[in-house]
Amino acid sequence: MVPRKDGNYPRLIQEGIEMERDALTRANIFCYAKEHFGSEPEYLWARTPESAVLRHADNRKWYAIVMPVERAHLGLPGEGV
């Protein structure tokens, strides 16, 4: 997400629920997925144990992956994830 000209990030709005940018955490994502879709995170890779996928209950296809991404890969300033 790109900050506005004033340097602040816009609010994230999903299905009418407003959340500040900092409130969008792994725990919140997983809680939302469980409450709305009945999905639990699955940790599939030993090499990246912090990466998780969320699947549709009916066909088991992924609908989300939660994983750390280097800031540089997203075009963001600074170092780290």
C-alpha atoms as a PDB file:
ATOM      1  CA  MET A   1       0.000   0.000   0.000  1.00  0.00           C
ATOM      2  CA  VAL A   2       1.310   3.421  -0.905  1.00  0.00           C
ATOM      3  CA  PRO A   3       1.027   6.333   1.536  1.00  0.00           C
ATOM      4  CA  ARG A   4      -0.942   9.437   0.573  1.00  0.00           C
ATOM      5  CA  LYS A   5       0.861  12.687  -0.190  1.00  0.00           C
ATOM      6  CA  ASP A   6       0.649  13.673   3.486  1.00  0.00           C
ATOM      7  CA  GLY A   7       2.658  10.529   4.371  1.00  0.00           C
ATOM      8  CA  ASN A   8      -0.217   8.743   6.101  1.00  0.00           C
ATOM      9  CA  TYR A   9      -1.665   5.473   4.947  1.00  0.00           C
ATOM     10  CA  PRO A  10      -5.350   5.308   4.038  1.00  0.00           C
ATOM     11  CA  ARG A  11      -7.710   3.199   6.110  1.00  0.00           C
ATOM     12  CA  LEU A  12      -8.290  -0.351   4.968  1.00  0.00           C
ATOM     13  CA  ILE A  13     -11.947  -1.152   4.458  1.00  0.00           C
ATOM     14  CA  GLN A  14     -13.152  -4.730   4.049  1.00  0.00           C
ATOM     15  CA  GLU A  15     -16.829  -5.669   4.051  1.00  0.00           C
ATOM     16  CA  GLY A  16     -17.738  -2.471   5.862  1.00  0.00           C
ATOM     17  CA  ILE A  17     -15.251  -2.999   8.700  1.00  0.00           C
ATOM     18  CA  GLU A  18     -12.700  -0.213   9.035  1.00  0.00           C
ATOM     19  CA  MET A  19      -9.262  -1.125  10.353  1.00  0.00           C
ATOM     20  CA  GLU A  20      -6.195   1.017  10.787  1.00  0.00           C
ATOM     21  CA  ARG A  21      -3.184  -0.217   8.809  1.00  0.00           C
ATOM     22  CA  ASP A  22      -1.441  -1.418  11.976  1.00  0.00           C
ATOM     23  CA  ALA A  23      -4.470  -3.497  13.005  1.00  0.00           C
ATOM     24  CA  LEU A  24      -4.068  -5.801   9.999  1.00  0.00           C
ATOM     25  CA  THR A  25      -1.991  -8.508  11.666  1.00  0.00           C
ATOM     26  CA  ARG A  26      -1.554 -12.214  10.997  1.00  0.00           C
ATOM     27  CA  ALA A  27      -3.759 -12.950  13.998  1.00  0.00           C
ATOM     28  CA  ASN A  28      -6.520 -10.665  12.688  1.00  0.00           C
ATOM     29  CA  ILE A  29      -6.351 -12.206   9.220  1.00  0.00           C
ATOM     30  CA  PHE A  30      -6.544 -15.743  10.623  1.00  0.00           C
ATOM     31  CA  CYS A  31      -9.374 -14.796  12.985  1.00  0.00           C
ATOM     32  CA  TYR A  32     -11.335 -13.190  10.123  1.00  0.00           C
ATOM     33  CA  ALA A  33     -10.787 -16.268   7.916  1.00  0.00           C
ATOM     34  CA  LYS A  34     -11.986 -18.609  10.669  1.00  0.00           C
ATOM     35  CA  GLU A  35     -15.072 -16.536  11.505  1.00  0.00           C
ATOM     36  CA  HIS A  36     -16.162 -15.873   7.913  1.00  0.00           C
ATOM     37  CA  PHE A  37     -14.924 -18.913   5.996  1.00  0.00           C
ATOM     38  CA  GLY A  38     -14.178 -21.587   8.609  1.00  0.00           C
ATOM     39  CA  SER A  39     -10.535 -21.686   7.460  1.00  0.00           C
ATOM     40  CA  GLU A  40      -7.525 -22.480   9.621  1.00  0.00           C
ATOM     41  CA  PRO A  41      -3.986 -21.585   8.493  1.00  0.00           C
ATOM     42  CA  GLU A  42      -1.919 -24.458   7.120  1.00  0.00           C
ATOM     43  CA  TYR A  43       1.860 -24.338   7.388  1.00  0.00           C
ATOM     44  CA  LEU A  44       3.137 -26.325   4.418  1.00  0.00           C
ATOM     45  CA  TRP A  45       6.832 -25.553   4.116  1.00  0.00           C
ATOM     46  CA  ALA A  46       9.559 -26.533   6.564  1.00  0.00           C
ATOM     47  CA  ARG A  47      11.894 -24.022   4.920  1.00  0.00           C
ATOM     48  CA  THR A  48       9.558 -21.104   5.680  1.00  0.00           C
ATOM     49  CA  PRO A  49       7.621 -22.114   8.798  1.00  0.00           C
ATOM     50  CA  GLU A  50       6.098 -18.619   9.162  1.00  0.00           C
ATOM     51  CA  SER A  51       4.317 -18.916   5.785  1.00  0.00           C
ATOM     52  CA  ALA A  52       0.724 -20.141   5.851  1.00  0.00           C
ATOM     53  CA  VAL A  53      -2.030 -20.749   3.322  1.00  0.00           C
ATOM     54  CA  LEU A  54      -5.789 -20.476   3.705  1.00  0.00           C
ATOM     55  CA  ARG A  55      -8.007 -22.823   1.671  1.00  0.00           C
ATOM     56  CA  HIS A  56     -11.604 -22.949   0.504  1.00  0.00           C
ATOM     57  CA  ALA A  57     -13.429 -25.632   2.484  1.00  0.00           C
ATOM     58  CA  ASP A  58     -15.254 -27.113  -0.505  1.00  0.00           C
ATOM     59  CA  ASN A  59     -12.469 -27.533  -3.093  1.00  0.00           C
ATOM     60  CA  ARG A  60      -9.332 -27.094  -0.908  1.00  0.00           C
ATOM     61  CA  LYS A  61      -7.887 -24.497  -3.306  1.00  0.00           C
ATOM     62  CA  TRP A  62      -5.876 -21.693  -1.759  1.00  0.00           C
ATOM     63  CA  TYR A  63      -7.497 -18.311  -1.501  1.00  0.00           C
ATOM     64  CA  ALA A  64      -4.711 -16.633   0.483  1.00  0.00           C
ATOM     65  CA  ILE A  65      -1.097 -16.984   1.472  1.00  0.00           C
ATOM     66  CA  VAL A  66       0.370 -15.131   4.440  1.00  0.00           C
ATOM     67  CA  MET A  67       4.131 -14.830   4.304  1.00  0.00           C
ATOM     68  CA  PRO A  68       6.918 -12.366   5.012  1.00  0.00           C
ATOM     69  CA  VAL A  69       8.072 -10.418   1.967  1.00  0.00           C
ATOM     70  CA  GLU A  70      11.157  -8.221   1.767  1.00  0.00           C
ATOM     71  CA  ARG A  71      10.239  -4.529   1.607  1.00  0.00           C
ATOM     72  CA  ALA A  72      12.399  -4.086  -1.505  1.00  0.00           C
ATOM     73  CA  HIS A  73      10.309  -6.687  -3.395  1.00  0.00           C
ATOM     74  CA  LEU A  74       7.254  -4.502  -2.791  1.00  0.00           C
ATOM     75  CA  GLY A  75       8.973  -1.292  -3.826  1.00  0.00           C
ATOM     76  CA  LEU A  76       8.961   0.027  -0.247  1.00  0.00           C
ATOM     77  CA  PRO A  77      11.835   1.996   1.266  1.00  0.00           C
ATOM     78  CA  GLY A  78      13.959   0.515   4.041  1.00  0.00           C
ATOM     79  CA  GLU A  79      15.266  -2.944   4.779  1.00  0.00           C
ATOM     80  CA  GLY A  80      13.642  -6.058   6.188  1.00  0.00           C
ATOM     81  CA  VAL A  81      10.163  -7.497   5.933  1.00  0.00           C
END
